[in-house]
């Protein structure tokens, strides 16, 4: 049993868990709330900073800088309208085939956000809401560029999926994507069920039990699951629509490159970007060492195999000469 005291706050803040009104509104696709009294805000800040230590003050300023950077990224990649401003718009009837549309969707997925989490630069609680919004934006923007035939097929599938889940028919302007609350509850239920099954299996094996998952760990696992799933795609649809002709589309490659570059330049401070470069360098060195070790082992095995073949060949020749 979990109290989930953090749950309502996480849902209310769109998963940001930051408590700032501006970032919450941006994440959920509405306009940022702006203060009408900057002097009053400055006085409040002075009062807050006066009553806290240097470390706490630094943490507050760092958090505000992170919020500003996330808002800037959302303004560029967090909605279909933002992507239209960034990459342009197509004609009302669409200009891409279903295959090209699927490839564009892949190019727009913010997979580099997952990379930042794996490198330990930013927290999953910061990245998951961005990835969630980025995925929805990529889907809506790619759909707007698809031909009418492709949109019709997608619309039929969305209606089928909605009916299968018991949600009824979607309206003309309904969004088929799951809300943040729905996504959160879905993965929360999955993880809790996994933990229950794990506990039951351990009970059957013996008296020794692992430590039960606490609220904080559960929350971070939900954030991580949302982040991972937001960067993944449906393999069945990929198999149907993605055609591998052995050629890379230069435009899509440029979009992916720009997206990755902006994720680093917008979301990361110079110090954080430097950390990413160093950690990537270390990872690449480890990969090179592992690759060299593997190649060395292959050469060694090949040498042994040749030596053994030579011995067998020599014995066979000796046997033939004796006979």
Protein backbone atom coordinates (compact mmCIF):
# COMPACT_ATOMS: atom_id res chain seq x y z
CA UNK A 1 0.00 0.00 0.00
CA UNK A 2 1.26 3.47 -0.89
CA UNK A 3 0.06 6.81 0.36
CA UNK A 4 0.93 8.57 -2.93
CA UNK A 5 0.95 11.95 -1.18
CA UNK A 6 2.98 13.31 -4.08
CA UNK A 7 0.55 12.03 -6.70
CA UNK A 8 -1.92 14.90 -6.83
CA UNK A 9 0.86 17.44 -6.98
CA UNK A 10 2.59 15.57 -9.80
CA UNK A 11 -0.65 15.34 -11.78
CA UNK A 12 -1.62 18.92 -11.07
CA UNK A 13 1.78 20.18 -12.25
CA UNK A 14 1.67 18.08 -15.40
CA UNK A 15 4.46 15.94 -14.02
CA UNK A 16 6.79 18.85 -13.53
CA UNK A 17 6.61 18.67 -9.76
CA UNK A 18 8.11 22.15 -9.64
CA UNK A 19 5.37 24.26 -8.17
CA UNK A 20 5.80 27.14 -10.60
CA UNK A 21 2.71 28.39 -12.34
CA UNK A 22 4.49 29.44 -15.51
CA UNK A 23 6.14 26.09 -16.24
CA UNK A 24 2.94 24.20 -15.45
CA UNK A 25 0.90 26.17 -17.96
CA UNK A 26 3.54 25.83 -20.65
CA UNK A 27 3.77 22.07 -20.15
CA UNK A 28 0.03 21.57 -20.50
CA UNK A 29 -0.08 23.63 -23.66
CA UNK A 30 -1.49 26.92 -22.36
CA UNK A 31 0.03 30.35 -22.18
CA UNK A 32 2.51 31.14 -19.44
CA UNK A 33 1.22 33.22 -16.57
CA UNK A 34 3.16 36.47 -16.32
CA UNK A 35 3.43 38.71 -13.32
CA UNK A 36 1.84 42.14 -13.60
CA UNK A 37 3.85 43.53 -10.72
CA UNK A 38 7.59 42.98 -11.25
CA UNK A 39 8.46 45.26 -8.37
CA UNK A 40 6.30 43.21 -6.03
CA UNK A 41 7.94 40.02 -7.27
CA UNK A 42 11.37 41.52 -6.67
CA UNK A 43 10.38 42.48 -3.15
CA UNK A 44 9.17 38.94 -2.52
CA UNK A 45 12.45 37.56 -3.85
CA UNK A 46 14.44 39.91 -1.65
CA UNK A 47 12.43 38.77 1.36
CA UNK A 48 12.92 35.10 0.48
CA UNK A 49 16.64 35.47 -0.17
CA UNK A 50 17.09 37.43 3.03
CA UNK A 51 15.82 34.55 5.14
CA UNK A 52 17.72 31.67 3.51
CA UNK A 53 21.34 30.65 3.21
CA UNK A 54 23.65 30.88 0.25
CA UNK A 55 23.18 27.23 -0.73
CA UNK A 56 19.37 27.48 -0.73
CA UNK A 57 19.56 30.73 -2.70
CA UNK A 58 21.75 29.06 -5.30
CA UNK A 59 19.33 26.14 -5.61
CA UNK A 60 16.37 28.50 -6.15
CA UNK A 61 18.21 30.45 -8.85
CA UNK A 62 19.32 27.23 -10.52
CA UNK A 63 15.75 25.91 -10.52
CA UNK A 64 14.48 29.17 -12.04
CA UNK A 65 17.12 28.93 -14.75
CA UNK A 66 16.00 25.36 -15.50
CA UNK A 67 12.39 26.56 -15.71
CA UNK A 68 13.34 29.33 -18.11
CA UNK A 69 15.20 26.88 -20.33
CA UNK A 70 12.34 24.38 -20.34
CA UNK A 71 9.87 27.12 -21.25
CA UNK A 72 12.15 28.12 -24.14
CA UNK A 73 12.31 24.52 -25.37
CA UNK A 74 8.52 24.16 -25.10
CA UNK A 75 8.05 27.33 -27.12
CA UNK A 76 10.10 25.78 -29.93
CA UNK A 77 9.15 22.08 -29.81
CA UNK A 78 6.32 21.60 -27.30
CA UNK A 79 3.30 21.93 -29.59
CA UNK A 80 2.27 21.46 -33.20
CA UNK A 81 2.06 25.23 -33.65
CA UNK A 82 5.58 25.59 -32.27
CA UNK A 83 6.87 22.97 -34.73
CA UNK A 84 5.12 24.77 -37.58
CA UNK A 85 7.00 27.94 -36.66
CA UNK A 86 10.26 25.98 -36.37
CA UNK A 87 10.02 23.77 -39.49
CA UNK A 88 7.30 25.39 -41.60
CA UNK A 89 3.82 24.33 -42.71
CA UNK A 90 2.52 22.31 -45.61
CA UNK A 91 -0.59 22.85 -47.73
CA UNK A 92 -4.01 22.15 -46.13
CA UNK A 93 -4.34 18.88 -48.06
CA UNK A 94 -0.88 17.69 -46.97
CA UNK A 95 2.35 17.20 -48.87
CA UNK A 96 3.76 13.93 -47.49
CA UNK A 97 2.96 10.28 -48.13
CA UNK A 98 2.16 7.99 -45.17
CA UNK A 99 5.70 6.60 -45.34
CA UNK A 100 7.25 10.09 -45.35
CA UNK A 101 4.93 11.14 -42.53
CA UNK A 102 6.04 8.21 -40.36
CA UNK A 103 9.68 9.03 -41.06
CA UNK A 104 9.06 12.68 -40.10
CA UNK A 105 7.41 11.55 -36.86
CA UNK A 106 10.49 9.47 -36.04
CA UNK A 107 12.79 12.40 -36.75
CA UNK A 108 10.83 14.70 -34.43
CA UNK A 109 10.75 12.38 -31.41
CA UNK A 110 12.93 13.96 -28.67
CA UNK A 111 15.09 10.88 -28.06
CA UNK A 112 18.00 13.01 -26.90
CA UNK A 113 15.98 13.79 -23.77
CA UNK A 114 16.30 10.13 -22.82
CA UNK A 115 20.02 10.38 -23.45
CA UNK A 116 20.31 13.29 -20.99
CA UNK A 117 18.63 11.18 -18.33
CA UNK A 118 20.90 8.22 -19.00
CA UNK A 119 23.92 10.51 -18.65
CA UNK A 120 22.57 11.76 -15.32
CA UNK A 121 22.57 15.42 -16.38
CA UNK A 122 18.88 16.21 -15.83
CA UNK A 123 16.30 14.47 -13.67
CA UNK A 124 13.56 12.30 -15.26
CA UNK A 125 10.98 14.43 -13.44
CA UNK A 126 12.19 17.39 -15.52
CA UNK A 127 12.49 15.49 -18.79
CA UNK A 128 9.38 13.27 -18.79
CA UNK A 129 6.83 16.13 -19.22
CA UNK A 130 8.93 17.60 -22.04
CA UNK A 131 9.13 14.23 -23.79
CA UNK A 132 5.38 13.69 -23.34
CA UNK A 133 4.54 17.05 -24.89
CA UNK A 134 7.20 16.62 -27.57
CA UNK A 135 5.73 13.29 -28.65
CA UNK A 136 2.21 14.71 -28.94
CA UNK A 137 3.54 17.72 -30.85
CA UNK A 138 5.49 15.46 -33.23
CA UNK A 139 2.40 13.33 -33.89
CA UNK A 140 0.12 16.32 -34.53
CA UNK A 141 2.64 18.13 -36.72
CA UNK A 142 3.44 15.04 -38.79
CA UNK A 143 -0.28 14.40 -39.21
CA UNK A 144 -0.79 17.95 -40.48
CA UNK A 145 1.77 17.30 -43.21
CA UNK A 146 0.26 13.95 -44.25
CA UNK A 147 -1.90 13.52 -47.35
CA UNK A 148 -5.68 13.33 -46.94
CA UNK A 149 -5.66 9.59 -47.60
CA UNK A 150 -3.15 9.03 -44.82
CA UNK A 151 -5.14 11.22 -42.43
CA UNK A 152 -8.27 9.21 -43.18
CA UNK A 153 -6.52 5.93 -42.35
CA UNK A 154 -5.09 7.40 -39.14
CA UNK A 155 -8.49 8.79 -38.14
CA UNK A 156 -10.15 5.39 -38.61
CA UNK A 157 -7.49 3.73 -36.48
CA UNK A 158 -7.87 6.37 -33.73
CA UNK A 159 -11.63 5.76 -33.67
CA UNK A 160 -11.07 2.00 -33.44
CA UNK A 161 -8.59 2.41 -30.59
CA UNK A 162 -10.95 4.75 -28.73
CA UNK A 163 -13.86 2.32 -29.06
CA UNK A 164 -11.67 -0.60 -27.97
CA UNK A 165 -10.76 1.26 -24.77
CA UNK A 166 -14.42 2.06 -24.12
CA UNK A 167 -14.06 5.76 -24.74
CA UNK A 168 -16.68 6.04 -27.49
CA UNK A 169 -16.36 7.84 -30.80
CA UNK A 170 -14.02 10.83 -30.98
CA UNK A 171 -15.43 14.20 -31.95
CA UNK A 172 -14.19 16.19 -34.97
CA UNK A 173 -11.76 18.21 -32.84
CA UNK A 174 -11.01 15.60 -30.18
CA UNK A 175 -7.40 14.81 -29.36
CA UNK A 176 -6.79 11.04 -29.58
CA UNK A 177 -3.66 11.26 -27.44
CA UNK A 178 -3.83 10.26 -23.80
CA UNK A 179 -3.77 13.07 -21.25
CA UNK A 180 -0.88 13.38 -18.82
CA UNK A 181 -3.16 12.12 -16.04
CA UNK A 182 -4.15 9.06 -18.11
CA UNK A 183 -0.54 8.27 -18.95
CA UNK A 184 0.52 8.68 -15.32
CA UNK A 185 -2.23 6.39 -14.03
CA UNK A 186 -1.50 3.80 -16.72
CA UNK A 187 2.18 3.42 -15.85
CA UNK A 188 1.54 3.80 -12.14
CA UNK A 189 -0.82 0.81 -12.30
CA UNK A 190 1.67 -1.19 -14.37
CA UNK A 191 4.58 -0.61 -11.99
CA UNK A 192 2.50 -1.29 -8.87
CA UNK A 193 1.22 -4.53 -10.41
CA UNK A 194 4.78 -5.57 -11.23
CA UNK A 195 5.82 -4.93 -7.63
CA UNK A 196 2.87 -6.94 -6.31
CA UNK A 197 3.76 -9.90 -8.54
CA UNK A 198 7.40 -9.61 -7.49
CA UNK A 199 6.42 -9.66 -3.81
CA UNK A 200 4.16 -12.69 -4.35
CA UNK A 201 6.94 -14.58 -6.14
CA UNK A 202 9.40 -13.81 -3.33
CA UNK A 203 6.87 -15.01 -0.75
CA UNK A 204 6.57 -18.33 -2.54
CA UNK A 205 10.36 -18.78 -2.69
CA UNK A 206 10.96 -18.24 1.03
CA UNK A 207 10.88 -15.92 4.01
CA UNK A 208 13.54 -13.56 2.68
CA UNK A 209 11.92 -10.45 1.20
CA UNK A 210 13.29 -7.42 -0.60
CA UNK A 211 12.60 -3.92 0.61
CA UNK A 212 9.22 -2.66 -0.67
CA UNK A 213 9.26 0.25 -3.07
CA UNK A 214 8.66 3.63 -1.43
CA UNK A 215 6.68 6.57 -2.79
CA UNK A 216 9.70 8.50 -4.02
CA UNK A 217 11.14 5.55 -5.92
CA UNK A 218 7.76 4.75 -7.43
CA UNK A 219 7.33 8.32 -8.59
CA UNK A 220 10.76 8.37 -10.27
CA UNK A 221 10.07 5.05 -11.97
CA UNK A 222 6.83 6.43 -13.38
CA UNK A 223 8.66 9.50 -14.69
CA UNK A 224 11.30 7.25 -16.24
CA UNK A 225 8.69 4.98 -17.83
CA UNK A 226 6.91 7.98 -19.37
CA UNK A 227 10.22 9.31 -20.67
CA UNK A 228 11.15 5.97 -22.23
CA UNK A 229 7.74 5.36 -23.80
CA UNK A 230 7.58 8.91 -25.16
CA UNK A 231 10.70 8.18 -27.20
CA UNK A 232 9.55 4.76 -28.46
CA UNK A 233 7.33 3.95 -31.45
CA UNK A 234 4.84 1.28 -32.45
CA UNK A 235 6.88 -1.41 -34.22
CA UNK A 236 3.85 -2.72 -36.10
CA UNK A 237 3.17 0.70 -37.65
CA UNK A 238 6.87 1.15 -38.40
CA UNK A 239 6.86 -2.14 -40.28
CA UNK A 240 3.83 -1.07 -42.33
CA UNK A 241 4.74 2.51 -43.19
CA UNK A 242 8.53 2.83 -42.95
CA UNK A 243 10.25 1.73 -46.13
CA UNK A 244 13.97 1.11 -45.92
CA UNK A 245 15.35 1.89 -49.35
CA UNK A 246 18.94 2.16 -48.11
CA UNK A 247 19.00 5.94 -48.56
CA UNK A 248 18.94 8.57 -45.83
CA UNK A 249 16.68 11.58 -46.27
CA UNK A 250 18.85 14.68 -45.87
CA UNK A 251 15.92 16.84 -44.72
CA UNK A 252 14.94 14.40 -41.97
CA UNK A 253 18.55 14.02 -40.92
CA UNK A 254 18.80 17.81 -40.66
CA UNK A 255 15.64 17.93 -38.52
CA UNK A 256 16.97 15.26 -36.15
CA UNK A 257 20.33 17.02 -35.94
CA UNK A 258 18.72 20.39 -35.21
CA UNK A 259 16.45 18.87 -32.57
CA UNK A 260 19.35 17.21 -30.79
CA UNK A 261 21.47 20.35 -30.98
CA UNK A 262 18.66 22.51 -29.58
CA UNK A 263 17.99 20.06 -26.76
CA UNK A 264 21.55 20.62 -25.62
CA UNK A 265 21.85 24.32 -26.36
CA UNK A 266 18.44 25.29 -24.92
CA UNK A 267 17.98 22.92 -22.00
CA UNK A 268 21.56 22.76 -20.75
CA UNK A 269 23.69 25.44 -19.19
CA UNK A 270 27.29 25.73 -20.48
CA UNK A 271 28.55 23.76 -17.46
CA UNK A 272 25.97 21.01 -18.02
CA UNK A 273 26.77 20.85 -21.73
CA UNK A 274 30.45 20.46 -20.84
CA UNK A 275 29.57 17.60 -18.47
CA UNK A 276 27.63 15.90 -21.26
CA UNK A 277 30.59 16.17 -23.62
CA UNK A 278 32.97 14.73 -21.01
CA UNK A 279 30.66 11.87 -20.10
CA UNK A 280 30.02 11.06 -23.75
CA UNK A 281 33.76 11.08 -24.31
CA UNK A 282 34.25 8.61 -21.45
CA UNK A 283 31.48 6.38 -22.76
CA UNK A 284 32.96 6.46 -26.24
CA UNK A 285 36.39 5.55 -24.84
CA UNK A 286 34.87 2.59 -22.99
CA UNK A 287 33.14 1.48 -26.18
CA UNK A 288 36.38 1.75 -28.14
CA UNK A 289 38.25 -0.25 -25.50
CA UNK A 290 35.53 -2.90 -25.46
CA UNK A 291 35.59 -3.03 -29.27
CA UNK A 292 39.39 -3.32 -29.31
CA UNK A 293 39.26 -6.05 -26.66
CA UNK A 294 36.66 -7.94 -28.68
CA UNK A 295 38.71 -7.65 -31.88
CA UNK A 296 41.84 -8.75 -30.02
CA UNK A 297 39.99 -11.79 -28.69
CA UNK A 298 38.75 -12.62 -32.20
CA UNK A 299 42.29 -12.41 -33.58
CA UNK A 300 43.54 -14.63 -30.78
CA UNK A 301 40.84 -17.21 -31.42
CA UNK A 302 41.50 -17.09 -35.15
CA UNK A 303 45.20 -17.64 -34.52
CA UNK A 304 44.46 -20.65 -32.31
CA UNK A 305 42.08 -22.03 -34.90
CA UNK A 306 44.68 -21.71 -37.66
CA UNK A 307 47.30 -23.33 -35.44
CA UNK A 308 44.98 -26.23 -34.68
CA UNK A 309 44.11 -26.62 -38.37
CA UNK A 310 47.82 -26.74 -39.23
CA UNK A 311 48.42 -29.44 -36.64
CA UNK A 312 45.56 -31.53 -37.94
CA UNK A 313 46.77 -31.04 -41.50
CA UNK A 314 50.31 -32.07 -40.58
CA UNK A 315 49.09 -35.20 -38.79
CA UNK A 316 46.95 -36.12 -41.75
CA UNK A 317 49.91 -35.67 -44.10
CA UNK A 318 52.11 -37.81 -41.84
CA UNK A 319 49.47 -40.50 -41.71
CA UNK A 320 49.15 -40.51 -45.49
CA UNK A 321 52.92 -40.73 -45.96
CA UNK A 322 53.20 -43.71 -43.57
CA UNK A 323 50.40 -45.58 -45.29
